[in-house]
C-alpha atoms as a PDB file:
ATOM      1  CA  MET A   1       0.000   0.000   0.000  1.00  0.00           C
ATOM      2  CA  HIS A   2       1.103   3.565  -0.481  1.00  0.00           C
ATOM      3  CA  HIS A   3       0.869   6.513   1.867  1.00  0.00           C
ATOM      4  CA  GLN A   4      -1.792   9.147   1.231  1.00  0.00           C
ATOM      5  CA  PHE A   5       0.899  11.790   0.751  1.00  0.00           C
ATOM      6  CA  SER A   6       2.534   9.898  -2.110  1.00  0.00           C
ATOM      7  CA  VAL A   7       1.695  10.287  -5.790  1.00  0.00           C
ATOM      8  CA  VAL A   8       1.439   6.975  -7.627  1.00  0.00           C
ATOM      9  CA  HIS A   9       0.175   7.039 -11.205  1.00  0.00           C
ATOM     10  CA  PRO A  10      -2.920   4.825 -11.506  1.00  0.00           C
ATOM     11  CA  GLU A  11      -1.384   2.962 -14.465  1.00  0.00           C
ATOM     12  CA  ALA A  12       1.827   2.066 -12.629  1.00  0.00           C
ATOM     13  CA  LYS A  13       2.093  -1.692 -12.022  1.00  0.00           C
ATOM     14  CA  ILE A  14       2.690  -2.156  -8.300  1.00  0.00           C
ATOM     15  CA  GLY A  15       3.128  -5.708  -6.962  1.00  0.00           C
ATOM     16  CA  ASP A  16       1.761  -7.278  -3.819  1.00  0.00           C
ATOM     17  CA  ASN A  17       2.974  -6.174  -0.388  1.00  0.00           C
ATOM     18  CA  VAL A  18       4.803  -3.143  -1.767  1.00  0.00           C
ATOM     19  CA  SER A  19       5.263  -0.444   0.877  1.00  0.00           C
ATOM     20  CA  ILE A  20       5.451   3.166  -0.335  1.00  0.00           C
ATOM     21  CA  ASP A  21       6.289   5.843   2.235  1.00  0.00           C
ATOM     22  CA  PRO A  22       5.164   9.507   2.194  1.00  0.00           C
ATOM     23  CA  PHE A  23       6.163  12.008  -0.499  1.00  0.00           C
ATOM     24  CA  VAL A  24       7.085   9.401  -3.104  1.00  0.00           C
ATOM     25  CA  ASN A  25       6.389  10.121  -6.785  1.00  0.00           C
ATOM     26  CA  ILE A  26       5.922   7.157  -9.135  1.00  0.00           C
ATOM     27  CA  GLY A  27       5.286   7.626 -12.871  1.00  0.00           C
ATOM     28  CA  ARG A  28       2.922   5.882 -15.250  1.00  0.00           C
ATOM     29  CA  ASP A  29       5.316   3.492 -17.013  1.00  0.00           C
ATOM     30  CA  VAL A  30       6.718   1.892 -13.867  1.00  0.00           C
ATOM     31  CA  VAL A  31       6.754  -1.714 -12.666  1.00  0.00           C
ATOM     32  CA  ILE A  32       7.610  -2.588  -9.039  1.00  0.00           C
ATOM     33  CA  GLY A  33       7.839  -6.213  -7.889  1.00  0.00           C
ATOM     34  CA  ASP A  34       6.288  -7.837  -4.845  1.00  0.00           C
ATOM     35  CA  GLY A  35       7.609  -7.000  -1.400  1.00  0.00           C
ATOM     36  CA  THR A  36       9.641  -3.947  -2.355  1.00  0.00           C
ATOM     37  CA  TRP A  37       9.898  -0.993   0.030  1.00  0.00           C
ATOM     38  CA  VAL A  38      10.137   2.566  -1.301  1.00  0.00           C
ATOM     39  CA  GLY A  39      11.285   5.144   1.244  1.00  0.00           C
ATOM     40  CA  SER A  40      10.112   8.730   1.520  1.00  0.00           C
ATOM     41  CA  ASN A  41      10.990  11.340  -1.110  1.00  0.00           C
ATOM     42  CA  VAL A  42      11.949   8.756  -3.726  1.00  0.00           C
ATOM     43  CA  VAL A  43      11.198   9.605  -7.366  1.00  0.00           C
ATOM     44  CA  ILE A  44      10.662   6.697  -9.767  1.00  0.00           C
ATOM     45  CA  MET A  45      10.168   7.933 -13.327  1.00  0.00           C
ATOM     46  CA  ASP A  46       8.786   6.318 -16.473  1.00  0.00           C
ATOM     47  CA  GLY A  47      10.746   3.321 -17.663  1.00  0.00           C
ATOM     48  CA  ALA A  48      11.665   1.837 -14.262  1.00  0.00           C
ATOM     49  CA  ARG A  49      11.414  -1.939 -13.946  1.00  0.00           C
ATOM     50  CA  ILE A  50      12.150  -2.843 -10.329  1.00  0.00           C
ATOM     51  CA  GLY A  51      12.268  -6.412  -9.045  1.00  0.00           C
ATOM     52  CA  LYS A  52      10.986  -8.128  -5.945  1.00  0.00           C
ATOM     53  CA  ASN A  53      11.998  -7.439  -2.341  1.00  0.00           C
ATOM     54  CA  CYS A  54      14.134  -4.427  -3.138  1.00  0.00           C
ATOM     55  CA  LYS A  55      14.793  -1.624  -0.655  1.00  0.00           C
ATOM     56  CA  ILE A  56      14.929   1.916  -1.994  1.00  0.00           C
ATOM     57  CA  PHE A  57      15.986   4.479   0.597  1.00  0.00           C
ATOM     58  CA  PRO A  58      14.895   8.139   0.843  1.00  0.00           C
ATOM     59  CA  GLY A  59      15.928  10.579  -1.845  1.00  0.00           C
ATOM     60  CA  ALA A  60      16.803   8.094  -4.599  1.00  0.00           C
ATOM     61  CA  VAL A  61      15.889   8.992  -8.178  1.00  0.00           C
ATOM     62  CA  ILE A  62      15.426   6.098 -10.591  1.00  0.00           C
ATOM     63  CA  SER A  63      14.971   6.252 -14.372  1.00  0.00           C
ATOM     64  CA  ALA A  64      15.546   9.956 -14.917  1.00  0.00           C
ATOM     65  CA  ILE A  65      16.540  10.825 -18.485  1.00  0.00           C
ATOM     66  CA  PRO A  66      20.244  10.443 -19.328  1.00  0.00           C
ATOM     67  CA  GLN A  67      22.714  13.248 -18.799  1.00  0.00           C
ATOM     68  CA  ASP A  68      23.719  12.793 -22.430  1.00  0.00           C
ATOM     69  CA  LEU A  69      23.214  15.460 -25.080  1.00  0.00           C
ATOM     70  CA  LYS A  70      22.712  12.716 -27.685  1.00  0.00           C
ATOM     71  CA  TYR A  71      19.558  11.518 -25.959  1.00  0.00           C
ATOM     72  CA  GLU A  72      16.565  12.208 -28.205  1.00  0.00           C
ATOM     73  CA  GLY A  73      13.663  11.134 -26.031  1.00  0.00           C
ATOM     74  CA  GLU A  74      13.722   7.442 -26.928  1.00  0.00           C
ATOM     75  CA  GLU A  75      11.605   5.273 -24.627  1.00  0.00           C
ATOM     76  CA  SER A  76      14.372   3.494 -22.773  1.00  0.00           C
ATOM     77  CA  ILE A  77      14.281   1.801 -19.377  1.00  0.00           C
ATOM     78  CA  VAL A  78      16.067   0.998 -16.122  1.00  0.00           C
ATOM     79  CA  GLU A  79      16.027  -2.643 -15.002  1.00  0.00           C
ATOM     80  CA  ILE A  80      16.729  -3.521 -11.364  1.00  0.00           C
ATOM     81  CA  GLY A  81      16.814  -7.147 -10.204  1.00  0.00           C
ATOM     82  CA  ASP A  82      15.453  -8.774  -7.061  1.00  0.00           C
ATOM     83  CA  HIS A  83      16.710  -8.216  -3.505  1.00  0.00           C
ATOM     84  CA  THR A  84      18.762  -5.161  -4.439  1.00  0.00           C
ATOM     85  CA  THR A  85      19.277  -2.311  -1.961  1.00  0.00           C
ATOM     86  CA  ILE A  86      19.507   1.268  -3.200  1.00  0.00           C
ATOM     87  CA  ARG A  87      20.577   3.656  -0.467  1.00  0.00           C
ATOM     88  CA  GLU A  88      19.992   7.374   0.059  1.00  0.00           C
ATOM     89  CA  PHE A  89      20.226   9.751  -2.920  1.00  0.00           C
ATOM     90  CA  VAL A  90      21.337   7.168  -5.446  1.00  0.00           C
ATOM     91  CA  THR A  91      20.630   8.218  -9.041  1.00  0.00           C
ATOM     92  CA  ILE A  92      20.157   5.686 -11.852  1.00  0.00           C
ATOM     93  CA  ASN A  93      19.573   7.102 -15.350  1.00  0.00           C
ATOM     94  CA  LYS A  94      17.717   5.238 -18.087  1.00  0.00           C
ATOM     95  CA  GLY A  95      19.427   4.098 -21.291  1.00  0.00           C
ATOM     96  CA  THR A  96      19.887   5.759 -24.652  1.00  0.00           C
ATOM     97  CA  LYS A  97      19.509   4.344 -28.151  1.00  0.00           C
ATOM     98  CA  ALA A  98      22.961   2.768 -27.731  1.00  0.00           C
ATOM     99  CA  LEU A  99      21.540   0.021 -25.482  1.00  0.00           C
ATOM    100  CA  MET A 100      18.033   1.265 -24.639  1.00  0.00           C
ATOM    101  CA  LYS A 101      18.441   0.274 -21.009  1.00  0.00           C
ATOM    102  CA  THR A 102      20.487   0.635 -17.852  1.00  0.00           C
ATOM    103  CA  VAL A 103      20.712  -2.523 -15.752  1.00  0.00           C
ATOM    104  CA  VAL A 104      21.402  -3.224 -12.074  1.00  0.00           C
ATOM    105  CA  GLY A 105      21.339  -6.923 -11.210  1.00  0.00           C
ATOM    106  CA  SER A 106      19.961  -8.862  -8.252  1.00  0.00           C
ATOM    107  CA  ASN A 107      21.363  -8.895  -4.699  1.00  0.00           C
ATOM    108  CA  CYS A 108      23.325  -5.704  -5.271  1.00  0.00           C
ATOM    109  CA  LEU A 109      24.078  -2.925  -2.790  1.00  0.00           C
ATOM    110  CA  LEU A 110      24.385   0.631  -4.077  1.00  0.00           C
ATOM    111  CA  MET A 111      25.395   2.782  -1.112  1.00  0.00           C
ATOM    112  CA  ALA A 112      24.491   6.425  -0.621  1.00  0.00           C
ATOM    113  CA  TYR A 113      25.123   8.943  -3.403  1.00  0.00           C
ATOM    114  CA  VAL A 114      26.082   6.376  -6.051  1.00  0.00           C
ATOM    115  CA  HIS A 115      25.436   7.529  -9.617  1.00  0.00           C
ATOM    116  CA  VAL A 116      24.791   5.025 -12.416  1.00  0.00           C
ATOM    117  CA  ALA A 117      24.737   6.710 -15.817  1.00  0.00           C
ATOM    118  CA  HIS A 118      22.977   5.673 -19.019  1.00  0.00           C
ATOM    119  CA  ASP A 119      23.566   2.266 -20.623  1.00  0.00           C
ATOM    120  CA  CYS A 120      25.553   0.825 -17.714  1.00  0.00           C
ATOM    121  CA  VAL A 121      25.112  -2.882 -16.989  1.00  0.00           C
ATOM    122  CA  ILE A 122      25.871  -4.031 -13.434  1.00  0.00           C
ATOM    123  CA  GLY A 123      25.805  -7.763 -12.729  1.00  0.00           C
ATOM    124  CA  ASN A 124      24.529  -9.641  -9.696  1.00  0.00           C
ATOM    125  CA  ASN A 125      25.913  -9.455  -6.145  1.00  0.00           C
ATOM    126  CA  CYS A 126      27.860  -6.262  -6.774  1.00  0.00           C
ATOM    127  CA  ILE A 127      28.653  -3.602  -4.164  1.00  0.00           C
ATOM    128  CA  LEU A 128      29.221   0.055  -5.049  1.00  0.00           C
ATOM    129  CA  ALA A 129      30.263   1.945  -1.927  1.00  0.00           C
ATOM    130  CA  ASN A 130      29.345   5.517  -1.025  1.00  0.00           C
ATOM    131  CA  GLY A 131      29.814   8.103  -3.751  1.00  0.00           C
ATOM    132  CA  VAL A 132      30.867   5.771  -6.579  1.00  0.00           C
ATOM    133  CA  THR A 133      30.225   7.445  -9.928  1.00  0.00           C
ATOM    134  CA  LEU A 134      29.788   5.502 -13.156  1.00  0.00           C
ATOM    135  CA  ALA A 135      29.933   7.261 -16.509  1.00  0.00           C
ATOM    136  CA  GLY A 136      27.925   5.845 -19.414  1.00  0.00           C
ATOM    137  CA  HIS A 137      28.274   2.447 -21.104  1.00  0.00           C
ATOM    138  CA  ILE A 138      30.144   0.733 -18.232  1.00  0.00           C
ATOM    139  CA  LEU A 139      29.976  -3.041 -17.785  1.00  0.00           C
ATOM    140  CA  ILE A 140      30.488  -4.488 -14.295  1.00  0.00           C
ATOM    141  CA  ASP A 141      30.450  -8.270 -13.921  1.00  0.00           C
ATOM    142  CA  ASP A 142      29.113 -10.305 -10.983  1.00  0.00           C
ATOM    143  CA  TYR A 143      30.513  -9.959  -7.453  1.00  0.00           C
ATOM    144  CA  ALA A 144      32.563  -6.844  -8.198  1.00  0.00           C
ATOM    145  CA  ILE A 145      33.174  -4.435  -5.305  1.00  0.00           C
ATOM    146  CA  ILE A 146      34.089  -0.788  -5.926  1.00  0.00           C
ATOM    147  CA  GLY A 147      35.357   1.312  -3.018  1.00  0.00           C
ATOM    148  CA  GLY A 148      33.819   4.625  -2.039  1.00  0.00           C
ATOM    149  CA  LEU A 149      34.359   7.846  -3.992  1.00  0.00           C
ATOM    150  CA  SER A 150      35.703   5.999  -7.023  1.00  0.00           C
ATOM    151  CA  ALA A 151      34.984   7.321 -10.517  1.00  0.00           C
ATOM    152  CA  VAL A 152      34.782   5.035 -13.538  1.00  0.00           C
ATOM    153  CA  HIS A 153      35.425   6.251 -17.100  1.00  0.00           C
ATOM    154  CA  GLN A 154      32.841   5.580 -19.800  1.00  0.00           C
ATOM    155  CA  PHE A 155      33.058   2.254 -21.674  1.00  0.00           C
ATOM    156  CA  VAL A 156      35.213   0.629 -18.979  1.00  0.00           C
ATOM    157  CA  HIS A 157      34.713  -3.090 -18.277  1.00  0.00           C
ATOM    158  CA  ILE A 158      35.195  -4.319 -14.695  1.00  0.00           C
ATOM    159  CA  GLY A 159      35.508  -8.090 -14.372  1.00  0.00           C
ATOM    160  CA  ALA A 160      33.874 -10.506 -11.959  1.00  0.00           C
ATOM    161  CA  HIS A 161      35.083 -10.816  -8.352  1.00  0.00           C
ATOM    162  CA  VAL A 162      37.156  -7.631  -8.623  1.00  0.00           C
ATOM    163  CA  MET A 163      37.967  -5.466  -5.599  1.00  0.00           C
ATOM    164  CA  ILE A 164      38.782  -1.815  -6.364  1.00  0.00           C
ATOM    165  CA  SER A 165      40.210   0.467  -3.692  1.00  0.00           C
ATOM    166  CA  GLY A 166      38.274   3.501  -2.506  1.00  0.00           C
ATOM    167  CA  GLY A 167      39.037   6.814  -4.188  1.00  0.00           C
ATOM    168  CA  SER A 168      40.167   5.178  -7.418  1.00  0.00           C
ATOM    169  CA  LEU A 169      40.058   6.673 -10.905  1.00  0.00           C
ATOM    170  CA  VAL A 170      39.200   3.741 -13.162  1.00  0.00           C
ATOM    171  CA  ARG A 171      40.297   4.602 -16.702  1.00  0.00           C
ATOM    172  CA  LYS A 172      41.203   1.131 -17.979  1.00  0.00           C
ATOM    173  CA  ASP A 173      39.508  -2.268 -17.929  1.00  0.00           C
ATOM    174  CA  VAL A 174      39.991  -4.274 -14.728  1.00  0.00           C
ATOM    175  CA  PRO A 175      40.387  -8.036 -15.373  1.00  0.00           C
ATOM    176  CA  PRO A 176      38.428 -10.560 -13.290  1.00  0.00           C
ATOM    177  CA  TYR A 177      39.528 -11.873  -9.886  1.00  0.00           C
ATOM    178  CA  THR A 178      41.938  -9.010  -9.242  1.00  0.00           C
ATOM    179  CA  LYS A 179      42.514  -6.308  -6.652  1.00  0.00           C
ATOM    180  CA  ALA A 180      43.223  -2.806  -7.930  1.00  0.00           C
ATOM    181  CA  ALA A 181      44.610   0.303  -6.236  1.00  0.00           C
ATOM    182  CA  HIS A 182      47.108   3.189  -6.582  1.00  0.00           C
ATOM    183  CA  GLU A 183      47.175   6.040  -9.117  1.00  0.00           C
ATOM    184  CA  PRO A 184      47.161   5.257 -11.945  1.00  0.00           C
ATOM    185  CA  LEU A 185      44.990   2.267 -11.074  1.00  0.00           C
ATOM    186  CA  SER A 186      47.137  -0.856 -11.048  1.00  0.00           C
ATOM    187  CA  TYR A 187      47.061  -4.572 -10.376  1.00  0.00           C
ATOM    188  CA  ILE A 188      48.070  -5.309  -6.770  1.00  0.00           C
ATOM    189  CA  GLY A 189      47.166  -8.981  -6.544  1.00  0.00           C
ATOM    190  CA  VAL A 190      44.432 -11.576  -6.794  1.00  0.00           C
ATOM    191  CA  ASN A 191      41.299 -11.170  -4.682  1.00  0.00           C
ATOM    192  CA  ALA A 192      42.024 -14.492  -2.962  1.00  0.00           C
ATOM    193  CA  ILE A 193      40.093 -13.743   0.223  1.00  0.00           C
ATOM    194  CA  GLY A 194      36.953 -12.868  -1.707  1.00  0.00           C
ATOM    195  CA  LEU A 195      37.326 -15.968  -3.890  1.00  0.00           C
ATOM    196  CA  ARG A 196      37.677 -18.268  -0.878  1.00  0.00           C
ATOM    197  CA  ARG A 197      34.578 -16.726   0.680  1.00  0.00           C
ATOM    198  CA  ARG A 198      32.669 -17.574  -2.499  1.00  0.00           C
ATOM    199  CA  GLY A 199      33.779 -21.178  -2.610  1.00  0.00           C
ATOM    200  CA  PHE A 200      36.712 -21.133  -5.014  1.00  0.00           C
ATOM    201  CA  GLY A 201      39.137 -23.985  -4.348  1.00  0.00           C
ATOM    202  CA  GLU A 202      42.871 -23.546  -3.801  1.00  0.00           C
ATOM    203  CA  ASP A 203      43.691 -25.082  -7.190  1.00  0.00           C
ATOM    204  CA  ALA A 204      41.535 -22.535  -8.990  1.00  0.00           C
ATOM    205  CA  ILE A 205      43.009 -19.663  -6.993  1.00  0.00           C
ATOM    206  CA  SER A 206      46.541 -20.918  -7.664  1.00  0.00           C
ATOM    207  CA  THR A 207      45.803 -21.044 -11.399  1.00  0.00           C
ATOM    208  CA  ILE A 208      44.481 -17.484 -11.327  1.00  0.00           C
ATOM    209  CA  GLN A 209      47.593 -16.320  -9.462  1.00  0.00           C
ATOM    210  CA  ASN A 210      49.861 -18.035 -11.974  1.00  0.00           C
ATOM    211  CA  ILE A 211      48.059 -16.381 -14.880  1.00  0.00           C
ATOM    212  CA  TYR A 212      48.424 -12.919 -13.400  1.00  0.00           C
ATOM    213  CA  ARG A 213      52.058 -13.570 -12.511  1.00  0.00           C
ATOM    214  CA  ILE A 214      52.670 -14.122 -16.233  1.00  0.00           C
ATOM    215  CA  LEU A 215      50.520 -11.183 -17.256  1.00  0.00           C
ATOM    216  CA  TYR A 216      51.805  -8.626 -14.751  1.00  0.00           C
ATOM    217  CA  ARG A 217      55.028  -9.729 -13.042  1.00  0.00           C
ATOM    218  CA  GLU A 218      57.287 -11.161 -15.733  1.00  0.00           C
ATOM    219  CA  GLY A 219      57.745  -8.125 -17.974  1.00  0.00           C
ATOM    220  CA  HIS A 220      55.696  -9.313 -20.955  1.00  0.00           C
ATOM    221  CA  ASN A 221      53.303  -7.198 -22.957  1.00  0.00           C
ATOM    222  CA  SER A 222      49.723  -8.467 -23.127  1.00  0.00           C
ATOM    223  CA  SER A 223      50.143 -10.334 -26.421  1.00  0.00           C
ATOM    224  CA  GLN A 224      53.253 -12.134 -25.244  1.00  0.00           C
ATOM    225  CA  ALA A 225      51.625 -12.990 -21.920  1.00  0.00           C
ATOM    226  CA  LEU A 226      48.553 -14.469 -23.600  1.00  0.00           C
ATOM    227  CA  GLU A 227      50.746 -16.731 -25.733  1.00  0.00           C
ATOM    228  CA  ILE A 228      52.619 -17.969 -22.663  1.00  0.00           C
ATOM    229  CA  ILE A 229      49.352 -18.516 -20.785  1.00  0.00           C
ATOM    230  CA  ARG A 230      47.973 -20.503 -23.700  1.00  0.00           C
ATOM    231  CA  ASP A 231      51.099 -22.686 -23.843  1.00  0.00           C
ATOM    232  CA  THR A 232      51.668 -23.256 -20.114  1.00  0.00           C
ATOM    233  CA  ILE A 233      48.350 -23.001 -18.253  1.00  0.00           C
ATOM    234  CA  THR A 234      45.852 -25.869 -18.310  1.00  0.00           C
ATOM    235  CA  PRO A 235      42.580 -24.447 -19.657  1.00  0.00           C
ATOM    236  CA  SER A 236      39.823 -23.908 -17.107  1.00  0.00           C
ATOM    237  CA  LYS A 237      36.752 -21.742 -16.684  1.00  0.00           C
ATOM    238  CA  GLU A 238      38.812 -19.119 -14.881  1.00  0.00           C
ATOM    239  CA  SER A 239      41.729 -19.126 -17.319  1.00  0.00           C
ATOM    240  CA  ASN A 240      39.402 -18.918 -20.317  1.00  0.00           C
ATOM    241  CA  GLU A 241      37.547 -16.024 -18.737  1.00  0.00           C
ATOM    242  CA  ILE A 242      40.740 -14.067 -18.064  1.00  0.00           C
ATOM    243  CA  VAL A 243      42.164 -14.673 -21.538  1.00  0.00           C
ATOM    244  CA  GLU A 244      38.938 -13.686 -23.257  1.00  0.00           C
ATOM    245  CA  PHE A 245      38.655 -10.565 -21.096  1.00  0.00           C
ATOM    246  CA  VAL A 246      42.145  -9.391 -22.023  1.00  0.00           C
ATOM    247  CA  LYS A 247      41.721 -10.237 -25.712  1.00  0.00           C
ATOM    248  CA  SER A 248      38.417  -8.401 -25.988  1.00  0.00           C
ATOM    249  CA  SER A 249      39.401  -5.301 -24.004  1.00  0.00           C
ATOM    250  CA  SER A 250      38.729  -2.203 -26.092  1.00  0.00           C
ATOM    251  CA  ARG A 251      40.267   0.312 -23.673  1.00  0.00           C
ATOM    252  CA  GLY A 252      43.179  -1.871 -22.616  1.00  0.00           C
ATOM    253  CA  ILE A 253      43.655  -3.384 -19.182  1.00  0.00           C
ATOM    254  CA  MET A 254      45.111  -1.675 -16.130  1.00  0.00           C
ATOM    255  CA  LYS A 255      48.868  -1.950 -15.729  1.00  0.00           C
ATOM    256  CA  GLY A 256      50.783  -3.811 -13.077  1.00  0.00           C
ATOM    257  CA  TYR A 257      52.021  -1.757 -10.160  1.00  0.00           C
ATOM    258  CA  TYR A 258      55.532  -3.191 -10.486  1.00  0.00           C
ATOM    259  CA  GLN A 259      55.437  -3.350 -14.257  1.00  0.00           C
ATOM    260  CA  ASP A 260      57.910  -1.328 -16.265  1.00  0.00           C
ATOM    261  CA  GLU A 261      56.385   1.540 -18.235  1.00  0.00           C
ATOM    262  CA  ASP A 262      57.816   0.128 -21.485  1.00  0.00           C
ATOM    263  CA  ASN A 263      55.815  -3.073 -21.022  1.00  0.00           C
ATOM    264  CA  ALA A 264      52.520  -1.491 -19.903  1.00  0.00           C
END
């Protein structure tokens, strides 16, 4: 049910057991799944598709038009999965004709003041800490964690199970399973603690560490490293994912912190 001091368009599709606090404004072309809570002073504009059992805290604005001068009024959307928490004053802009949608997955936590720009796709089980800012067209894979006050350049790809230090400027792609810190953002190791918490075995973690030792610690450029990885590492899900990530990177991957500038 919604509070008498909220404005909910009669054509909005509101699920069962949805709680809407005072001073909320919900547009016509909005879908909200069962069990979701919407805190006071939230604005949910046309194009929002919000899943079940989400929590949206006061002041958030979801599905506002993109901050992109190329936007021409196309009817794009924001998709938010189930069990996702959106904290105070988060802003999530809808897509443009490039993708026609902005996506936040299930079981995510977007802490206060996070901004998700147009055409971003965030996977499941991701955490964006306070004040993280995403430019447009960013892809973040499952289980990534981005520290507070970090800013991510448009078109960057952040791999699965990545941990990025707070206050980072993310200008290059961040390969999966890694930790990243320093300025410029650099590889500082494998996110072994996070992987163990998620059930990765020691053999898989050791393989990942060996791959990144070749890629970042032995002085090879990316092409040379990929050849060595192909010839020396037994193929696995993790190795295939890392190799494909590096091969398909359009912006180039972050450098190694101890890597020589000539081999970056």
